[in-house]
Amino acid sequence: MKLSFSLVVSSMLSTALGTVIPARQVDDPKSCCFNLQDTTSGKHVRQDAHTGELFVDDSSLPEGRYCINQKINSKVLYDRRNNACILTSPRNSVECLDGTPGGDTWQLVRNVGEDIFLEDYGSIDFNVCNVNGRQKIFGAKPPGGLDCKLTHLSADNRAGQCNSYAGGAKVMPIS
């Protein structure tokens, strides 16, 4: 009896917690929201909901949707489940798994031309590396021993506070 009561309470608690932080179905109008696209392959970044890891070329995963609230200058990148994205240490992979922001300095910048790129720690360089047959996203300095290609992540399908940016011809933060 005691065990079944604990299971019922545990089940109710996990259900309640699941409803407290739902996946965001619409973009936050106070933020700049976008999809990420790997500029090397032209494919959208996809996210594993269980690990928070970002991949390219894995059609079994949903496309990621990300937001930065640039009006408060937070420099925090959130996924659609309101998890803060970080470059992990020491592997330097991009993961969005926890609501607690790290020390990352995410922002969008316009490069020469029309492309708008994701930047972290002052760099728009990312790497797509083959990890167990999957193309995983890493920061500018991926771990050694992996087959990697340098890329940039462009922000497309933008909505919210970034949609009307008309920027200049040099790399600069969107404001």
N, C-alpha and C. Protein backbone atom coordinates (compact mmCIF):
# COMPACT_ATOMS: atom_id res chain seq x y z
N MET A 1 0.82 -1.19 0.00
CA MET A 1 0.00 0.00 0.00
C MET A 1 0.87 1.26 0.00
N LYS A 2 1.89 1.25 0.83
CA LYS A 2 2.77 2.41 0.93
C LYS A 2 3.48 2.66 -0.40
N LEU A 3 3.94 1.59 -1.08
CA LEU A 3 4.62 1.72 -2.35
C LEU A 3 3.69 2.28 -3.42
N SER A 4 2.46 1.78 -3.49
CA SER A 4 1.54 2.26 -4.52
C SER A 4 1.18 3.73 -4.28
N PHE A 5 1.05 4.14 -3.02
CA PHE A 5 0.78 5.55 -2.71
C PHE A 5 1.94 6.42 -3.19
N SER A 6 3.17 5.96 -2.96
CA SER A 6 4.35 6.71 -3.41
C SER A 6 4.37 6.84 -4.93
N LEU A 7 4.00 5.77 -5.61
CA LEU A 7 3.97 5.81 -7.07
C LEU A 7 2.91 6.79 -7.58
N VAL A 8 1.76 6.80 -6.93
CA VAL A 8 0.69 7.73 -7.33
C VAL A 8 1.14 9.17 -7.12
N VAL A 9 1.72 9.46 -5.95
CA VAL A 9 2.19 10.81 -5.66
C VAL A 9 3.29 11.20 -6.65
N SER A 10 4.21 10.30 -6.91
CA SER A 10 5.30 10.57 -7.85
C SER A 10 4.74 10.84 -9.24
N SER A 11 3.78 10.05 -9.66
CA SER A 11 3.17 10.24 -10.98
C SER A 11 2.45 11.58 -11.07
N MET A 12 1.71 11.94 -10.02
CA MET A 12 0.99 13.22 -10.01
C MET A 12 1.98 14.39 -10.02
N LEU A 13 3.05 14.27 -9.26
CA LEU A 13 4.05 15.33 -9.20
C LEU A 13 4.73 15.52 -10.55
N SER A 14 5.12 14.43 -11.20
CA SER A 14 5.79 14.56 -12.49
C SER A 14 4.84 15.11 -13.54
N THR A 15 3.56 14.75 -13.47
CA THR A 15 2.57 15.31 -14.39
C THR A 15 2.42 16.80 -14.15
N ALA A 16 2.34 17.19 -12.89
CA ALA A 16 2.20 18.61 -12.56
C ALA A 16 3.42 19.40 -13.02
N LEU A 17 4.60 18.87 -12.80
CA LEU A 17 5.82 19.57 -13.23
C LEU A 17 5.88 19.68 -14.74
N GLY A 18 5.42 18.64 -15.42
CA GLY A 18 5.40 18.67 -16.88
C GLY A 18 4.50 19.75 -17.43
N THR A 19 3.45 20.10 -16.69
CA THR A 19 2.55 21.14 -17.17
C THR A 19 3.02 22.53 -16.76
N VAL A 20 3.92 22.62 -15.81
CA VAL A 20 4.41 23.92 -15.37
C VAL A 20 5.31 24.54 -16.44
N ILE A 21 6.15 23.74 -17.08
CA ILE A 21 7.09 24.25 -18.07
C ILE A 21 6.80 23.56 -19.41
N PRO A 22 5.75 23.99 -20.10
CA PRO A 22 5.41 23.36 -21.37
C PRO A 22 6.34 23.83 -22.48
N ALA A 23 6.34 23.06 -23.57
CA ALA A 23 7.09 23.50 -24.74
C ALA A 23 6.40 24.72 -25.32
N ARG A 24 7.19 25.70 -25.72
CA ARG A 24 6.65 26.93 -26.28
C ARG A 24 6.13 26.63 -27.68
N GLN A 25 4.85 26.85 -27.91
CA GLN A 25 4.26 26.59 -29.21
C GLN A 25 4.29 27.83 -30.11
N VAL A 26 4.34 28.99 -29.51
CA VAL A 26 4.42 30.24 -30.28
C VAL A 26 5.66 31.00 -29.82
N ASP A 27 6.16 31.84 -30.70
CA ASP A 27 7.35 32.61 -30.37
C ASP A 27 7.03 33.69 -29.34
N ASP A 28 7.98 33.96 -28.48
CA ASP A 28 7.86 35.04 -27.50
C ASP A 28 7.97 36.37 -28.26
N PRO A 29 6.92 37.20 -28.27
CA PRO A 29 6.98 38.45 -29.04
C PRO A 29 8.01 39.45 -28.52
N LYS A 30 8.49 39.25 -27.28
CA LYS A 30 9.50 40.15 -26.72
C LYS A 30 10.92 39.73 -27.09
N SER A 31 11.04 38.56 -27.71
CA SER A 31 12.35 38.00 -28.06
C SER A 31 12.53 37.94 -29.56
N CYS A 32 13.74 37.65 -29.97
CA CYS A 32 14.06 37.37 -31.36
C CYS A 32 14.10 35.85 -31.48
N CYS A 33 13.19 35.27 -32.25
CA CYS A 33 13.09 33.81 -32.38
C CYS A 33 13.41 33.39 -33.81
N PHE A 34 13.99 32.20 -33.97
CA PHE A 34 14.50 31.79 -35.28
C PHE A 34 14.80 30.30 -35.30
N ASN A 35 14.97 29.78 -36.52
CA ASN A 35 15.52 28.45 -36.75
C ASN A 35 16.99 28.65 -37.08
N LEU A 36 17.79 27.62 -36.88
CA LEU A 36 19.20 27.67 -37.24
C LEU A 36 19.44 26.80 -38.46
N GLN A 37 20.28 27.29 -39.35
CA GLN A 37 20.60 26.56 -40.57
C GLN A 37 22.11 26.44 -40.69
N ASP A 38 22.58 25.23 -40.93
CA ASP A 38 23.99 24.97 -41.18
C ASP A 38 24.33 25.53 -42.57
N THR A 39 25.23 26.49 -42.65
CA THR A 39 25.51 27.13 -43.93
C THR A 39 26.29 26.23 -44.88
N THR A 40 26.97 25.21 -44.37
CA THR A 40 27.73 24.31 -45.24
C THR A 40 26.80 23.39 -46.02
N SER A 41 25.82 22.80 -45.34
CA SER A 41 24.91 21.86 -46.00
C SER A 41 23.59 22.50 -46.42
N GLY A 42 23.25 23.65 -45.83
CA GLY A 42 21.97 24.27 -46.11
C GLY A 42 20.81 23.65 -45.34
N LYS A 43 21.12 22.72 -44.44
CA LYS A 43 20.06 22.02 -43.69
C LYS A 43 19.82 22.67 -42.34
N HIS A 44 18.57 22.56 -41.88
CA HIS A 44 18.22 23.11 -40.58
C HIS A 44 18.77 22.25 -39.44
N VAL A 45 19.10 22.92 -38.35
CA VAL A 45 19.57 22.25 -37.15
C VAL A 45 18.38 21.59 -36.47
N ARG A 46 18.60 20.38 -35.98
CA ARG A 46 17.57 19.62 -35.29
C ARG A 46 18.06 19.34 -33.88
N GLN A 47 17.13 19.13 -32.96
CA GLN A 47 17.50 18.99 -31.56
C GLN A 47 16.92 17.72 -30.97
N ASP A 48 17.76 16.98 -30.25
CA ASP A 48 17.32 15.80 -29.51
C ASP A 48 16.69 16.27 -28.21
N ALA A 49 15.41 16.02 -28.03
CA ALA A 49 14.68 16.50 -26.84
C ALA A 49 15.17 15.85 -25.55
N HIS A 50 15.75 14.65 -25.65
CA HIS A 50 16.19 13.95 -24.44
C HIS A 50 17.57 14.39 -23.97
N THR A 51 18.47 14.67 -24.90
CA THR A 51 19.83 15.05 -24.52
C THR A 51 20.09 16.55 -24.68
N GLY A 52 19.26 17.24 -25.44
CA GLY A 52 19.47 18.66 -25.70
C GLY A 52 20.52 18.93 -26.76
N GLU A 53 21.13 17.89 -27.31
CA GLU A 53 22.19 18.05 -28.31
C GLU A 53 21.61 18.48 -29.65
N LEU A 54 22.42 19.23 -30.40
CA LEU A 54 22.01 19.72 -31.71
C LEU A 54 22.69 18.93 -32.81
N PHE A 55 21.92 18.61 -33.84
CA PHE A 55 22.41 17.81 -34.96
C PHE A 55 21.96 18.42 -36.28
N VAL A 56 22.67 18.03 -37.34
CA VAL A 56 22.27 18.35 -38.70
C VAL A 56 22.03 17.01 -39.39
N ASP A 57 21.08 16.95 -40.29
CA ASP A 57 20.89 15.77 -41.13
C ASP A 57 20.36 14.56 -40.36
N ASP A 58 19.51 14.76 -39.37
CA ASP A 58 18.87 13.65 -38.67
C ASP A 58 17.36 13.90 -38.70
N SER A 59 16.71 13.37 -39.72
CA SER A 59 15.29 13.64 -39.94
C SER A 59 14.39 13.03 -38.87
N SER A 60 14.95 12.19 -37.99
CA SER A 60 14.14 11.62 -36.92
C SER A 60 13.91 12.63 -35.79
N LEU A 61 14.65 13.73 -35.81
CA LEU A 61 14.54 14.75 -34.76
C LEU A 61 13.77 15.97 -35.28
N PRO A 62 13.08 16.67 -34.38
CA PRO A 62 12.37 17.89 -34.82
C PRO A 62 13.35 19.05 -35.03
N GLU A 63 12.95 19.96 -35.91
CA GLU A 63 13.75 21.17 -36.10
C GLU A 63 13.76 21.97 -34.81
N GLY A 64 14.91 22.55 -34.51
CA GLY A 64 15.01 23.39 -33.32
C GLY A 64 14.44 24.78 -33.59
N ARG A 65 13.93 25.39 -32.55
CA ARG A 65 13.46 26.78 -32.60
C ARG A 65 14.05 27.47 -31.39
N TYR A 66 14.69 28.62 -31.60
CA TYR A 66 15.47 29.26 -30.55
C TYR A 66 15.09 30.73 -30.42
N CYS A 67 15.28 31.28 -29.23
CA CYS A 67 14.95 32.69 -28.97
C CYS A 67 16.03 33.33 -28.10
N ILE A 68 16.29 34.60 -28.36
CA ILE A 68 17.15 35.44 -27.52
C ILE A 68 16.35 36.70 -27.21
N ASN A 69 16.26 37.05 -25.93
CA ASN A 69 15.59 38.30 -25.57
C ASN A 69 16.65 39.39 -25.57
N GLN A 70 16.81 40.02 -26.72
CA GLN A 70 17.85 41.04 -26.88
C GLN A 70 17.48 42.37 -26.25
N LYS A 71 16.22 42.58 -25.95
CA LYS A 71 15.79 43.85 -25.35
C LYS A 71 16.34 44.00 -23.94
N ILE A 72 16.52 42.88 -23.23
CA ILE A 72 17.08 42.97 -21.89
C ILE A 72 18.57 42.64 -21.89
N ASN A 73 19.14 42.48 -23.11
CA ASN A 73 20.57 42.21 -23.27
C ASN A 73 21.02 41.00 -22.47
N SER A 74 20.18 39.94 -22.48
CA SER A 74 20.48 38.78 -21.64
C SER A 74 21.56 37.88 -22.23
N LYS A 75 21.70 37.86 -23.55
CA LYS A 75 22.69 37.02 -24.23
C LYS A 75 22.49 35.54 -23.93
N VAL A 76 21.26 35.15 -23.58
CA VAL A 76 20.93 33.75 -23.32
C VAL A 76 20.11 33.23 -24.49
N LEU A 77 20.52 32.09 -25.01
CA LEU A 77 19.80 31.42 -26.09
C LEU A 77 18.92 30.34 -25.47
N TYR A 78 17.62 30.40 -25.73
CA TYR A 78 16.67 29.41 -25.21
C TYR A 78 16.09 28.59 -26.35
N ASP A 79 15.83 27.31 -26.07
CA ASP A 79 15.13 26.48 -27.05
C ASP A 79 13.63 26.57 -26.80
N ARG A 80 12.85 25.80 -27.57
CA ARG A 80 11.39 25.89 -27.44
C ARG A 80 10.86 25.32 -26.14
N ARG A 81 11.68 24.62 -25.39
CA ARG A 81 11.27 24.11 -24.08
C ARG A 81 11.79 25.00 -22.95
N ASN A 82 12.27 26.18 -23.31
CA ASN A 82 12.81 27.15 -22.36
C ASN A 82 14.06 26.66 -21.64
N ASN A 83 14.82 25.79 -22.31
CA ASN A 83 16.12 25.37 -21.80
C ASN A 83 17.17 26.33 -22.32
N ALA A 84 18.08 26.75 -21.47
CA ALA A 84 19.19 27.60 -21.89
C ALA A 84 20.21 26.75 -22.64
N CYS A 85 20.74 27.28 -23.72
CA CYS A 85 21.74 26.56 -24.52
C CYS A 85 23.14 26.98 -24.07
N ILE A 86 24.04 26.02 -24.02
CA ILE A 86 25.41 26.29 -23.60
C ILE A 86 26.39 25.53 -24.48
N LEU A 87 27.63 26.00 -24.48
CA LEU A 87 28.73 25.20 -25.01
C LEU A 87 29.27 24.42 -23.82
N THR A 88 29.17 23.11 -23.88
CA THR A 88 29.57 22.28 -22.75
C THR A 88 31.08 22.28 -22.60
N SER A 89 31.52 21.97 -21.41
CA SER A 89 32.95 21.86 -21.14
C SER A 89 33.21 20.44 -20.65
N PRO A 90 34.23 19.76 -21.07
CA PRO A 90 35.30 20.19 -21.97
C PRO A 90 35.04 19.88 -23.44
N ARG A 91 33.94 19.20 -23.78
CA ARG A 91 33.75 18.74 -25.16
C ARG A 91 33.36 19.84 -26.14
N ASN A 92 32.84 20.95 -25.64
CA ASN A 92 32.51 22.09 -26.49
C ASN A 92 31.37 21.81 -27.46
N SER A 93 30.44 20.90 -27.06
CA SER A 93 29.27 20.68 -27.90
C SER A 93 28.17 21.64 -27.47
N VAL A 94 27.25 21.93 -28.39
CA VAL A 94 26.13 22.82 -28.09
C VAL A 94 24.98 21.97 -27.56
N GLU A 95 24.50 22.31 -26.36
CA GLU A 95 23.40 21.58 -25.75
C GLU A 95 22.42 22.55 -25.11
N CYS A 96 21.15 22.20 -25.18
CA CYS A 96 20.07 22.99 -24.57
C CYS A 96 19.27 22.02 -23.71
N LEU A 97 19.63 21.92 -22.43
CA LEU A 97 19.03 20.87 -21.60
C LEU A 97 18.52 21.35 -20.26
N ASP A 98 18.87 22.54 -19.85
CA ASP A 98 18.54 23.01 -18.51
C ASP A 98 18.13 24.47 -18.59
N GLY A 99 17.23 24.89 -17.73
CA GLY A 99 16.78 26.28 -17.74
C GLY A 99 17.78 27.27 -17.17
N THR A 100 18.86 26.76 -16.56
CA THR A 100 19.86 27.64 -15.95
C THR A 100 20.87 28.10 -17.00
N PRO A 101 20.97 29.41 -17.25
CA PRO A 101 21.94 29.90 -18.24
C PRO A 101 23.38 29.68 -17.79
N GLY A 102 24.26 29.47 -18.76
CA GLY A 102 25.68 29.38 -18.48
C GLY A 102 26.30 30.76 -18.68
N GLY A 103 27.59 30.81 -18.93
CA GLY A 103 28.27 32.08 -19.14
C GLY A 103 28.36 32.47 -20.60
N ASP A 104 27.63 31.77 -21.47
CA ASP A 104 27.70 32.04 -22.90
C ASP A 104 27.22 33.45 -23.22
N THR A 105 27.68 33.97 -24.35
CA THR A 105 27.32 35.33 -24.77
C THR A 105 26.67 35.28 -26.16
N TRP A 106 25.56 34.57 -26.26
CA TRP A 106 24.87 34.39 -27.53
C TRP A 106 24.32 35.71 -28.05
N GLN A 107 24.45 35.91 -29.35
CA GLN A 107 23.77 37.02 -30.01
C GLN A 107 23.73 36.73 -31.51
N LEU A 108 22.92 37.49 -32.21
CA LEU A 108 22.87 37.39 -33.66
C LEU A 108 23.64 38.56 -34.25
N VAL A 109 24.41 38.29 -35.29
CA VAL A 109 25.19 39.33 -35.96
C VAL A 109 24.97 39.22 -37.46
N ARG A 110 25.00 40.37 -38.12
CA ARG A 110 24.88 40.38 -39.58
C ARG A 110 26.29 40.41 -40.15
N ASN A 111 26.56 39.50 -41.06
CA ASN A 111 27.85 39.46 -41.73
C ASN A 111 27.75 40.30 -42.99
N VAL A 112 28.86 40.46 -43.68
CA VAL A 112 28.83 41.16 -44.96
C VAL A 112 27.79 40.47 -45.83
N GLY A 113 26.88 41.22 -46.36
CA GLY A 113 25.78 40.64 -47.13
C GLY A 113 24.53 40.58 -46.27
N GLU A 114 23.66 39.65 -46.58
CA GLU A 114 22.36 39.59 -45.92
C GLU A 114 22.27 38.56 -44.81
N ASP A 115 23.23 37.67 -44.70
CA ASP A 115 23.12 36.59 -43.71
C ASP A 115 23.25 37.09 -42.29
N ILE A 116 22.44 36.52 -41.42
CA ILE A 116 22.51 36.81 -39.98
C ILE A 116 22.93 35.51 -39.30
N PHE A 117 24.00 35.59 -38.52
CA PHE A 117 24.59 34.40 -37.92
C PHE A 117 24.47 34.40 -36.40
N LEU A 118 24.47 33.20 -35.83
CA LEU A 118 24.54 33.03 -34.39
C LEU A 118 26.00 33.17 -33.98
N GLU A 119 26.23 33.88 -32.90
CA GLU A 119 27.58 34.10 -32.38
C GLU A 119 27.60 33.74 -30.90
N ASP A 120 28.69 33.14 -30.45
CA ASP A 120 28.90 32.88 -29.03
C ASP A 120 30.36 33.13 -28.71
N TYR A 121 30.61 33.77 -27.59
CA TYR A 121 31.97 34.12 -27.17
C TYR A 121 32.73 34.86 -28.27
N GLY A 122 32.03 35.71 -29.04
CA GLY A 122 32.66 36.53 -30.06
C GLY A 122 32.99 35.82 -31.35
N SER A 123 32.54 34.58 -31.53
CA SER A 123 32.86 33.82 -32.74
C SER A 123 31.58 33.33 -33.42
N ILE A 124 31.57 33.42 -34.75
CA ILE A 124 30.46 32.84 -35.52
C ILE A 124 30.85 31.46 -36.06
N ASP A 125 32.01 30.96 -35.65
CA ASP A 125 32.48 29.65 -36.11
C ASP A 125 31.92 28.53 -35.25
N PHE A 126 31.36 27.54 -35.92
CA PHE A 126 30.90 26.31 -35.29
C PHE A 126 31.43 25.16 -36.13
N ASN A 127 31.30 23.95 -35.65
CA ASN A 127 31.73 22.77 -36.38
C ASN A 127 30.63 21.74 -36.38
N VAL A 128 30.51 21.04 -37.51
CA VAL A 128 29.62 19.89 -37.61
C VAL A 128 30.55 18.68 -37.67
N CYS A 129 30.42 17.79 -36.67
CA CYS A 129 31.34 16.66 -36.54
C CYS A 129 30.58 15.34 -36.57
N ASN A 130 31.19 14.36 -37.22
CA ASN A 130 30.61 13.03 -37.27
C ASN A 130 30.85 12.33 -35.94
N VAL A 131 29.77 12.05 -35.21
CA VAL A 131 29.84 11.34 -33.94
C VAL A 131 28.90 10.15 -34.03
N ASN A 132 29.47 8.97 -34.13
CA ASN A 132 28.68 7.74 -34.24
C ASN A 132 27.68 7.80 -35.39
N GLY A 133 28.12 8.33 -36.52
CA GLY A 133 27.28 8.39 -37.70
C GLY A 133 26.29 9.54 -37.73
N ARG A 134 26.31 10.39 -36.73
CA ARG A 134 25.41 11.54 -36.67
C ARG A 134 26.23 12.82 -36.76
N GLN A 135 25.68 13.84 -37.38
CA GLN A 135 26.36 15.12 -37.57
C GLN A 135 26.00 16.07 -36.43
N LYS A 136 26.88 16.14 -35.43
CA LYS A 136 26.63 16.89 -34.20
C LYS A 136 27.28 18.27 -34.26
N ILE A 137 26.60 19.27 -33.65
CA ILE A 137 27.09 20.65 -33.64
C ILE A 137 28.02 20.88 -32.45
N PHE A 138 29.20 21.43 -32.73
CA PHE A 138 30.18 21.80 -31.72
C PHE A 138 30.53 23.27 -31.91
N GLY A 139 31.18 23.85 -30.91
CA GLY A 139 31.66 25.22 -31.00
C GLY A 139 32.86 25.34 -31.90
N ALA A 140 33.57 26.46 -31.79
CA ALA A 140 34.71 26.75 -32.65
C ALA A 140 35.87 25.79 -32.47
N LYS A 141 35.99 25.19 -31.27
CA LYS A 141 37.10 24.28 -31.00
C LYS A 141 36.56 22.91 -30.57
N PRO A 142 36.24 22.05 -31.54
CA PRO A 142 35.72 20.72 -31.19
C PRO A 142 36.83 19.84 -30.63
N PRO A 143 36.46 18.75 -29.95
CA PRO A 143 37.49 17.84 -29.43
C PRO A 143 38.28 17.21 -30.58
N GLY A 144 39.52 16.88 -30.30
CA GLY A 144 40.36 16.24 -31.31
C GLY A 144 39.87 14.84 -31.65
N GLY A 145 40.28 14.36 -32.80
CA GLY A 145 39.96 13.00 -33.20
C GLY A 145 38.63 12.84 -33.90
N LEU A 146 37.89 13.93 -34.10
CA LEU A 146 36.61 13.85 -34.80
C LEU A 146 36.76 14.38 -36.22
N ASP A 147 35.96 13.85 -37.12
CA ASP A 147 35.90 14.33 -38.49
C ASP A 147 34.92 15.50 -38.52
N CYS A 148 35.45 16.74 -38.63
CA CYS A 148 34.62 17.94 -38.51
C CYS A 148 34.75 18.85 -39.72
N LYS A 149 33.69 19.63 -39.95
CA LYS A 149 33.70 20.67 -40.97
C LYS A 149 33.31 21.98 -40.33
N LEU A 150 34.10 23.02 -40.59
CA LEU A 150 33.80 24.35 -40.09
C LEU A 150 32.54 24.87 -40.77
N THR A 151 31.67 25.51 -40.00
CA THR A 151 30.44 26.06 -40.55
C THR A 151 30.03 27.30 -39.76
N HIS A 152 29.00 27.94 -40.22
CA HIS A 152 28.33 29.02 -39.51
C HIS A 152 26.87 28.61 -39.39
N LEU A 153 26.19 29.12 -38.39
CA LEU A 153 24.77 28.83 -38.21
C LEU A 153 23.99 30.10 -38.48
N SER A 154 23.26 30.10 -39.59
CA SER A 154 22.48 31.29 -39.92
C SER A 154 21.11 31.20 -39.26
N ALA A 155 20.59 32.36 -38.91
CA ALA A 155 19.28 32.46 -38.26
C ALA A 155 18.26 32.80 -39.34
N ASP A 156 17.35 31.86 -39.61
CA ASP A 156 16.32 32.15 -40.59
C ASP A 156 14.94 31.96 -39.98
N ASN A 157 13.92 32.28 -40.74
CA ASN A 157 12.54 32.25 -40.24
C ASN A 157 12.43 33.07 -38.96
N ARG A 158 13.06 34.24 -38.96
CA ARG A 158 13.08 35.08 -37.77
C ARG A 158 11.71 35.70 -37.51
N ALA A 159 11.40 35.85 -36.23
CA ALA A 159 10.13 36.46 -35.82
C ALA A 159 10.33 37.19 -34.50
N GLY A 160 9.44 38.09 -34.19
CA GLY A 160 9.53 38.82 -32.93
C GLY A 160 10.37 40.06 -33.07
N GLN A 161 11.21 40.33 -32.09
CA GLN A 161 11.98 41.57 -32.02
C GLN A 161 13.17 41.63 -32.96
N CYS A 162 13.37 40.63 -33.82
CA CYS A 162 14.49 40.68 -34.76
C CYS A 162 14.02 40.77 -36.20
N ASN A 163 12.74 40.70 -36.42
CA ASN A 163 12.20 40.60 -37.77
C ASN A 163 12.45 41.83 -38.62
N SER A 164 12.55 43.00 -38.03
CA SER A 164 12.65 44.22 -38.82
C SER A 164 14.07 44.76 -38.94
N TYR A 165 15.07 43.97 -38.56
CA TYR A 165 16.46 44.45 -38.60
C TYR A 165 16.88 44.75 -40.03
N ALA A 166 17.46 45.93 -40.25
CA ALA A 166 17.87 46.33 -41.59
C ALA A 166 19.37 46.55 -41.69
N GLY A 167 20.13 46.17 -40.68
CA GLY A 167 21.56 46.31 -40.49
C GLY A 167 22.45 46.80 -41.60
N GLY A 168 23.72 46.89 -41.30
CA GLY A 168 24.71 47.41 -42.23
C GLY A 168 25.48 46.30 -42.92
N ALA A 169 26.65 46.63 -43.43
CA ALA A 169 27.43 45.69 -44.23
C ALA A 169 28.61 45.12 -43.48
N LYS A 170 28.68 45.26 -42.19
CA LYS A 170 29.78 44.68 -41.43
C LYS A 170 29.20 43.83 -40.30
N VAL A 171 30.04 43.01 -39.71
CA VAL A 171 29.58 42.18 -38.61
C VAL A 171 29.23 43.09 -37.44
N MET A 172 28.00 42.98 -36.99
CA MET A 172 27.55 43.82 -35.88
C MET A 172 26.38 43.15 -35.18
N PRO A 173 26.24 43.38 -33.88
CA PRO A 173 25.10 42.81 -33.18
C PRO A 173 23.79 43.40 -33.69
N ILE A 174 22.76 42.59 -33.67
CA ILE A 174 21.42 43.08 -33.99
C ILE A 174 20.90 43.74 -32.74
N SER A 175 20.36 44.93 -32.86
CA SER A 175 19.81 45.60 -31.68
C SER A 175 18.44 46.15 -31.96
